[in-house]
C-alpha atoms as a PDB file:
ATOM      1  CA  MET A   1       0.000   0.000   0.000  1.00  0.00           C
ATOM      2  CA  ARG A   2       1.379   3.406  -0.918  1.00  0.00           C
ATOM      3  CA  ASN A   3       1.465   6.355   1.447  1.00  0.00           C
ATOM      4  CA  SER A   4      -1.826   8.162   0.905  1.00  0.00           C
ATOM      5  CA  GLY A   5      -0.424  11.578   1.677  1.00  0.00           C
ATOM      6  CA  VAL A   6      -3.751  12.534   3.254  1.00  0.00           C
ATOM      7  CA  ALA A   7      -3.156  14.846   6.171  1.00  0.00           C
ATOM      8  CA  HIS A   8      -4.121  13.316   9.489  1.00  0.00           C
ATOM      9  CA  ARG A   9      -6.037  15.967  11.322  1.00  0.00           C
ATOM     10  CA  GLY A  10      -6.645  14.396  14.689  1.00  0.00           C
ATOM     11  CA  SER A  11      -5.636  11.715  17.098  1.00  0.00           C
ATOM     12  CA  ARG A  12      -4.501   8.334  15.858  1.00  0.00           C
ATOM     13  CA  GLY A  13      -6.156   5.791  18.070  1.00  0.00           C
ATOM     14  CA  GLY A  14      -6.119   5.683  21.835  1.00  0.00           C
ATOM     15  CA  SER A  15      -9.211   6.639  23.755  1.00  0.00           C
ATOM     16  CA  GLY A  16     -10.688   8.624  20.895  1.00  0.00           C
ATOM     17  CA  GLY A  17      -9.896  12.063  22.282  1.00  0.00           C
ATOM     18  CA  ASN A  18      -9.346  15.057  20.060  1.00  0.00           C
ATOM     19  CA  SER A  19      -5.870  16.413  19.545  1.00  0.00           C
ATOM     20  CA  GLY A  20      -6.876  20.036  19.947  1.00  0.00           C
ATOM     21  CA  ASP A  21      -6.430  20.941  16.266  1.00  0.00           C
ATOM     22  CA  GLY A  22      -9.967  22.106  15.520  1.00  0.00           C
ATOM     23  CA  GLY A  23     -11.740  19.017  16.825  1.00  0.00           C
ATOM     24  CA  TYR A  24     -10.604  16.511  14.178  1.00  0.00           C
ATOM     25  CA  GLU A  25     -10.300  12.873  15.198  1.00  0.00           C
ATOM     26  CA  LEU A  26      -9.153  10.221  12.757  1.00  0.00           C
ATOM     27  CA  LEU A  27     -11.707   7.403  12.728  1.00  0.00           C
ATOM     28  CA  LEU A  28     -10.550   5.305   9.800  1.00  0.00           C
ATOM     29  CA  GLN A  29      -8.221   5.206   6.841  1.00  0.00           C
ATOM     30  CA  LEU A  30      -8.841   2.541   4.249  1.00  0.00           C
ATOM     31  CA  SER A  31      -7.150   1.800   0.942  1.00  0.00           C
ATOM     32  CA  PHE A  32      -9.100  -0.322  -1.531  1.00  0.00           C
ATOM     33  CA  PRO A  33      -9.014  -1.263  -5.220  1.00  0.00           C
ATOM     34  CA  ALA A  34     -11.050   0.975  -7.507  1.00  0.00           C
ATOM     35  CA  ILE A  35     -13.470  -1.829  -8.338  1.00  0.00           C
ATOM     36  CA  PRO A  36     -17.240  -1.281  -7.973  1.00  0.00           C
ATOM     37  CA  ASP A  37     -17.655  -4.579  -6.103  1.00  0.00           C
ATOM     38  CA  ARG A  38     -15.367  -3.325  -3.305  1.00  0.00           C
ATOM     39  CA  LEU A  39     -17.827  -0.566  -2.449  1.00  0.00           C
ATOM     40  CA  ARG A  40     -19.988  -3.149  -0.682  1.00  0.00           C
ATOM     41  CA  LEU A  41     -17.154  -3.452   1.872  1.00  0.00           C
ATOM     42  CA  VAL A  42     -16.832   0.318   2.258  1.00  0.00           C
ATOM     43  CA  ARG A  43     -20.529   1.102   2.829  1.00  0.00           C
ATOM     44  CA  PRO A  44     -20.855  -0.527   6.289  1.00  0.00           C
ATOM     45  CA  MET A  45     -17.761   1.335   7.524  1.00  0.00           C
ATOM     46  CA  VAL A  46     -19.103   4.661   6.289  1.00  0.00           C
ATOM     47  CA  ARG A  47     -22.496   3.941   7.899  1.00  0.00           C
ATOM     48  CA  ALA A  48     -20.940   2.947  11.239  1.00  0.00           C
ATOM     49  CA  SER A  49     -18.678   6.014  11.207  1.00  0.00           C
ATOM     50  CA  ALA A  50     -21.613   8.357  10.545  1.00  0.00           C
ATOM     51  CA  GLN A  51     -23.641   6.797  13.360  1.00  0.00           C
ATOM     52  CA  LEU A  52     -20.630   7.050  15.681  1.00  0.00           C
ATOM     53  CA  CYS A  53     -20.595  10.782  14.885  1.00  0.00           C
ATOM     54  CA  GLY A  54     -24.216  11.204  15.980  1.00  0.00           C
ATOM     55  CA  PHE A  55     -26.152  10.780  12.738  1.00  0.00           C
ATOM     56  CA  THR A  56     -29.527   9.063  12.707  1.00  0.00           C
ATOM     57  CA  VAL A  57     -29.858   5.803  10.777  1.00  0.00           C
ATOM     58  CA  GLU A  58     -31.604   7.690   7.955  1.00  0.00           C
ATOM     59  CA  ASP A  59     -28.995  10.459   7.768  1.00  0.00           C
ATOM     60  CA  ALA A  60     -26.189   7.898   7.953  1.00  0.00           C
ATOM     61  CA  GLN A  61     -27.725   6.104   4.968  1.00  0.00           C
ATOM     62  CA  ASP A  62     -27.790   9.375   3.011  1.00  0.00           C
ATOM     63  CA  VAL A  63     -24.097   9.853   3.788  1.00  0.00           C
ATOM     64  CA  VAL A  64     -23.406   6.292   2.598  1.00  0.00           C
ATOM     65  CA  LEU A  65     -25.161   7.072  -0.691  1.00  0.00           C
ATOM     66  CA  ALA A  66     -23.098  10.239  -1.219  1.00  0.00           C
ATOM     67  CA  ILE A  67     -19.783   8.499  -0.499  1.00  0.00           C
ATOM     68  CA  ASP A  68     -20.777   5.552  -2.677  1.00  0.00           C
ATOM     69  CA  GLU A  69     -21.572   7.918  -5.567  1.00  0.00           C
ATOM     70  CA  ALA A  70     -18.289   9.791  -5.093  1.00  0.00           C
ATOM     71  CA  CYS A  71     -16.337   6.508  -5.175  1.00  0.00           C
ATOM     72  CA  ALA A  72     -18.239   5.387  -8.272  1.00  0.00           C
ATOM     73  CA  ASN A  73     -17.342   8.689  -9.952  1.00  0.00           C
ATOM     74  CA  ILE A  74     -13.654   8.137  -9.163  1.00  0.00           C
ATOM     75  CA  ILE A  75     -13.803   4.612 -10.571  1.00  0.00           C
ATOM     76  CA  GLU A  76     -15.517   5.749 -13.769  1.00  0.00           C
ATOM     77  CA  HIS A  77     -14.157   9.226 -14.460  1.00  0.00           C
ATOM     78  CA  ALA A  78     -10.710   9.349 -12.824  1.00  0.00           C
ATOM     79  CA  TYR A  79      -9.649   5.756 -13.449  1.00  0.00           C
ATOM     80  CA  HIS A  80     -11.838   4.858 -16.459  1.00  0.00           C
ATOM     81  CA  TRP A  81     -12.709   1.467 -14.902  1.00  0.00           C
ATOM     82  CA  ARG A  82      -9.033   0.450 -14.445  1.00  0.00           C
ATOM     83  CA  GLY A  83      -9.187  -2.294 -11.835  1.00  0.00           C
ATOM     84  CA  ASP A  84      -5.551  -1.938 -10.784  1.00  0.00           C
ATOM     85  CA  ALA A  85      -6.074   1.562  -9.350  1.00  0.00           C
ATOM     86  CA  GLU A  86      -6.447   2.567  -5.702  1.00  0.00           C
ATOM     87  CA  ILE A  87      -8.788   4.771  -3.674  1.00  0.00           C
ATOM     88  CA  VAL A  88      -7.916   5.918  -0.157  1.00  0.00           C
ATOM     89  CA  LEU A  89     -10.821   6.824   2.118  1.00  0.00           C
ATOM     90  CA  THR A  90     -10.032   8.760   5.290  1.00  0.00           C
ATOM     91  CA  ILE A  91     -12.803   9.512   7.777  1.00  0.00           C
ATOM     92  CA  PHE A  92     -12.582  12.149  10.501  1.00  0.00           C
ATOM     93  CA  LYS A  93     -14.967  12.838  13.343  1.00  0.00           C
ATOM     94  CA  ILE A  94     -15.219  16.611  13.508  1.00  0.00           C
ATOM     95  CA  GLU A  95     -16.950  18.905  15.931  1.00  0.00           C
ATOM     96  CA  GLY A  96     -20.635  18.536  15.093  1.00  0.00           C
ATOM     97  CA  GLY A  97     -20.248  16.110  12.216  1.00  0.00           C
ATOM     98  CA  ILE A  98     -18.054  13.999   9.975  1.00  0.00           C
ATOM     99  CA  GLN A  99     -15.568  14.598   7.185  1.00  0.00           C
ATOM    100  CA  PHE A 100     -14.482  12.240   4.411  1.00  0.00           C
ATOM    101  CA  GLN A 101     -11.458  12.529   2.183  1.00  0.00           C
ATOM    102  CA  LEU A 102     -11.393  10.418  -0.958  1.00  0.00           C
ATOM    103  CA  ARG A 103      -8.032  10.298  -2.675  1.00  0.00           C
ATOM    104  CA  ASP A 104      -7.233   8.880  -6.063  1.00  0.00           C
ATOM    105  CA  PHE A 105      -3.870   8.623  -7.805  1.00  0.00           C
ATOM    106  CA  ALA A 106      -5.154   9.580 -11.246  1.00  0.00           C
ATOM    107  CA  PRO A 107      -3.890  12.416 -13.445  1.00  0.00           C
ATOM    108  CA  PRO A 108      -5.078  15.902 -12.482  1.00  0.00           C
ATOM    109  CA  VAL A 109      -8.788  16.407 -12.982  1.00  0.00           C
ATOM    110  CA  SER A 110      -9.985  19.760 -14.288  1.00  0.00           C
ATOM    111  CA  LEU A 111     -12.322  21.564 -11.902  1.00  0.00           C
ATOM    112  CA  ARG A 112     -14.594  22.202 -14.885  1.00  0.00           C
ATOM    113  CA  SER A 113     -15.062  18.468 -15.330  1.00  0.00           C
ATOM    114  CA  VAL A 114     -16.426  18.078 -11.788  1.00  0.00           C
ATOM    115  CA  GLN A 115     -19.127  20.714 -12.181  1.00  0.00           C
ATOM    116  CA  PRO A 116     -22.735  19.525 -12.181  1.00  0.00           C
ATOM    117  CA  ARG A 117     -24.549  19.548 -15.488  1.00  0.00           C
ATOM    118  CA  ASN A 118     -27.501  21.802 -16.202  1.00  0.00           C
ATOM    119  CA  LEU A 119     -30.613  20.268 -14.645  1.00  0.00           C
ATOM    120  CA  ASP A 120     -32.723  21.619 -17.511  1.00  0.00           C
ATOM    121  CA  ASN A 121     -30.962  19.167 -19.811  1.00  0.00           C
ATOM    122  CA  ILE A 122     -33.158  16.064 -19.439  1.00  0.00           C
ATOM    123  CA  ILE A 123     -30.874  13.106 -20.140  1.00  0.00           C
ATOM    124  CA  PRO A 124     -30.121   9.949 -18.166  1.00  0.00           C
ATOM    125  CA  GLY A 125     -27.174  10.005 -15.793  1.00  0.00           C
ATOM    126  CA  GLY A 126     -24.783  12.771 -14.884  1.00  0.00           C
ATOM    127  CA  LEU A 127     -26.523  13.770 -11.655  1.00  0.00           C
ATOM    128  CA  GLY A 128     -23.955  12.386  -9.224  1.00  0.00           C
ATOM    129  CA  ILE A 129     -22.441  15.748  -8.331  1.00  0.00           C
ATOM    130  CA  HIS A 130     -25.886  17.287  -7.740  1.00  0.00           C
ATOM    131  CA  PHE A 131     -26.761  14.278  -5.614  1.00  0.00           C
ATOM    132  CA  ILE A 132     -23.565  14.493  -3.529  1.00  0.00           C
ATOM    133  CA  ARG A 133     -23.931  18.246  -2.994  1.00  0.00           C
ATOM    134  CA  SER A 134     -27.568  17.885  -1.952  1.00  0.00           C
ATOM    135  CA  ILE A 135     -26.610  15.450   0.823  1.00  0.00           C
ATOM    136  CA  MET A 136     -23.298  16.850   2.028  1.00  0.00           C
ATOM    137  CA  ASP A 137     -22.916  20.306   3.583  1.00  0.00           C
ATOM    138  CA  ASP A 138     -19.505  21.084   2.106  1.00  0.00           C
ATOM    139  CA  THR A 139     -17.627  19.680  -0.872  1.00  0.00           C
ATOM    140  CA  ARG A 140     -14.087  20.595  -1.828  1.00  0.00           C
ATOM    141  CA  PHE A 141     -12.020  19.220  -4.672  1.00  0.00           C
ATOM    142  CA  MET A 142      -8.261  19.698  -4.731  1.00  0.00           C
ATOM    143  CA  ARG A 143      -5.011  18.364  -6.090  1.00  0.00           C
ATOM    144  CA  ALA A 144      -3.141  16.133  -3.614  1.00  0.00           C
ATOM    145  CA  PRO A 145      -0.416  18.083  -1.761  1.00  0.00           C
ATOM    146  CA  ASP A 146       2.331  15.856  -3.173  1.00  0.00           C
ATOM    147  CA  GLY A 147       0.985  16.421  -6.700  1.00  0.00           C
ATOM    148  CA  GLU A 148       0.029  12.784  -7.213  1.00  0.00           C
ATOM    149  CA  GLY A 149      -3.716  12.394  -7.480  1.00  0.00           C
ATOM    150  CA  ASN A 150      -6.819  14.280  -6.456  1.00  0.00           C
ATOM    151  CA  ILE A 151      -8.665  14.662  -3.157  1.00  0.00           C
ATOM    152  CA  LEU A 152     -12.401  15.105  -2.735  1.00  0.00           C
ATOM    153  CA  GLU A 153     -13.284  16.360   0.738  1.00  0.00           C
ATOM    154  CA  LEU A 154     -16.903  15.943   1.842  1.00  0.00           C
ATOM    155  CA  THR A 155     -18.266  17.276   5.130  1.00  0.00           C
ATOM    156  CA  LYS A 156     -21.633  16.633   6.769  1.00  0.00           C
ATOM    157  CA  ARG A 157     -22.860  18.228   9.961  1.00  0.00           C
ATOM    158  CA  ALA A 158     -25.165  16.281  12.271  1.00  0.00           C
ATOM    159  CA  MET A 159     -28.673  17.658  12.695  1.00  0.00           C
ATOM    160  CA  VAL A 160     -28.649  16.946  16.425  1.00  0.00           C
ATOM    161  CA  PRO A 161     -25.968  18.324  18.751  1.00  0.00           C
ATOM    162  CA  LEU A 162     -23.407  15.730  19.812  1.00  0.00           C
END
């Protein structure tokens, strides 16, 4: 497994306390092949992480759907269905919610290519970005700090105080 280069923002294990850097606590980092079938292994971890961060079962399921769609977009658009590629998922518990970082090791992706399409254009497909943005509170797309790959950062705040 290669070094993901994803910045760890909180504590790494122990009793689960925060490290004092803005309330970030590392919950999980997982590297998996960019194969659609592997998403069935990722979904339960995303669901459990969201519930651990105070989300209801229904809200946790919405988060699972958004992360699943984001992973599917990486598999299709960044890797073009190459089965030998890797995705790194990092999950942080943050004050009042949860944050996900999805990293690929694909060539740079143009920010224009990750913009949602016009909803007035009635055609099948192409709604993944709209879907993700409707579920998540914040989305941020960036080049990996080491220049190898792209990072999609998705943040969701819990509706109930933790």
